[in-house]
Amino acid sequence: MRFWSDLEVELMIDEISEAAIEAIEQAAGEAARAMALSMLEREAAMMRELQCWQFEAESYQIKIKQTQRNGWRNMLIAGLSCLAAGFVLGFTTK
């Protein structure tokens, strides 16, 4: 059985400490990369959702414009119909 000197024990402790510090730094780097990737994934999901909402808003705006155009057209048709009916009633009741 071999006995270790104080210097050898201290050198082994230093080597083990350095290896542990490197492992901790590597783990911290990997955790930081994982966190950054997670943030990017969440941001991408939010961007996709935003695009869906924008598409829906644009489609509603198109529908509103079509409805407004149809409303003006219907109002014009109703006005002309009433004007024509007024002329017809006016000429037939004399």
Protein backbone atom coordinates (compact mmCIF):
# COMPACT_ATOMS: atom_id res chain seq x y z
CA MET A 1 0.00 0.00 0.00
CA ARG A 2 1.32 3.39 -1.00
CA PHE A 3 1.15 6.50 1.13
CA TRP A 4 0.76 9.87 -0.57
CA SER A 5 2.76 12.88 0.43
CA ASP A 6 1.11 16.18 1.29
CA LEU A 7 2.38 17.71 -1.96
CA GLU A 8 0.93 14.87 -4.06
CA VAL A 9 -2.41 15.17 -2.28
CA GLU A 10 -2.49 18.93 -2.86
CA LEU A 11 -1.59 18.45 -6.55
CA MET A 12 -4.39 15.89 -6.98
CA ILE A 13 -6.84 18.22 -5.21
CA ASP A 14 -5.78 21.07 -7.52
CA GLU A 15 -6.22 18.88 -10.62
CA ILE A 16 -9.63 17.69 -9.45
CA SER A 17 -10.63 21.28 -8.64
CA GLU A 18 -9.56 22.48 -12.09
CA ALA A 19 -11.48 19.67 -13.75
CA ALA A 20 -14.55 20.49 -11.63
CA ILE A 21 -14.32 24.19 -12.52
CA GLU A 22 -14.05 23.34 -16.24
CA ALA A 23 -17.06 21.02 -15.95
CA ILE A 24 -19.05 23.73 -14.15
CA GLU A 25 -18.12 26.31 -16.80
CA GLN A 26 -19.08 23.91 -19.59
CA ALA A 27 -22.40 23.14 -17.89
CA ALA A 28 -23.07 26.86 -17.44
CA GLY A 29 -22.32 27.45 -21.13
CA GLU A 30 -24.68 24.66 -22.15
CA ALA A 31 -27.38 26.03 -19.83
CA ALA A 32 -26.96 29.48 -21.36
CA ARG A 33 -27.24 28.03 -24.88
CA ALA A 34 -30.34 26.08 -23.86
CA MET A 35 -31.90 29.20 -22.37
CA ALA A 36 -31.14 31.21 -25.52
CA LEU A 37 -32.62 28.46 -27.70
CA SER A 38 -35.71 28.36 -25.51
CA MET A 39 -36.13 32.12 -25.83
CA LEU A 40 -35.74 31.90 -29.61
CA GLU A 41 -38.33 29.14 -29.80
CA ARG A 42 -40.79 31.19 -27.73
CA GLU A 43 -40.15 34.23 -29.88
CA ALA A 44 -40.72 32.19 -33.05
CA ALA A 45 -44.00 30.86 -31.65
CA MET A 46 -45.10 34.38 -30.79
CA MET A 47 -44.18 35.58 -34.27
CA ARG A 48 -46.24 32.77 -35.83
CA GLU A 49 -49.19 33.69 -33.63
CA LEU A 50 -48.76 37.36 -34.51
CA GLN A 51 -48.81 36.50 -38.22
CA CYS A 52 -52.02 34.52 -37.73
CA TRP A 53 -53.64 37.48 -35.95
CA GLN A 54 -52.42 39.88 -38.64
CA PHE A 55 -53.85 37.65 -41.37
CA GLU A 56 -57.17 37.46 -39.52
CA ALA A 57 -57.24 41.25 -39.03
CA GLU A 58 -56.50 41.83 -42.71
CA SER A 59 -59.25 39.44 -43.76
CA TYR A 60 -61.70 41.26 -41.45
CA GLN A 61 -60.64 44.60 -42.95
CA ILE A 62 -61.30 43.26 -46.44
CA LYS A 63 -64.72 41.98 -45.37
CA ILE A 64 -65.54 45.35 -43.77
CA LYS A 65 -64.59 47.22 -46.96
CA GLN A 66 -66.72 44.85 -49.06
CA THR A 67 -69.64 45.31 -46.67
CA GLN A 68 -69.26 49.09 -46.84
CA ARG A 69 -69.21 48.98 -50.65
CA ASN A 70 -72.28 46.75 -50.65
CA GLY A 71 -73.95 49.10 -48.18
CA TRP A 72 -73.36 52.12 -50.43
CA ARG A 73 -74.59 50.19 -53.46
CA ASN A 74 -77.71 48.99 -51.60
CA MET A 75 -78.38 52.51 -50.34
CA LEU A 76 -78.06 53.90 -53.86
CA ILE A 77 -80.37 51.21 -55.27
CA ALA A 78 -82.93 51.87 -52.53
CA GLY A 79 -82.76 55.63 -53.12
CA LEU A 80 -83.19 55.27 -56.87
CA SER A 81 -86.05 52.80 -56.34
CA CYS A 82 -87.81 55.24 -54.03
CA LEU A 83 -87.23 58.10 -56.49
CA ALA A 84 -88.61 56.01 -59.35
CA ALA A 85 -91.59 54.92 -57.23
CA GLY A 86 -92.21 58.55 -56.34
CA PHE A 87 -92.20 59.57 -59.99
CA VAL A 88 -94.50 56.68 -60.90
CA LEU A 89 -96.91 57.50 -58.09
CA GLY A 90 -96.70 61.18 -58.85
CA PHE A 91 -97.56 60.77 -62.53
CA THR A 92 -100.25 58.13 -61.97
CA THR A 93 -102.14 60.03 -59.27
CA LYS A 94 -102.62 63.26 -61.33
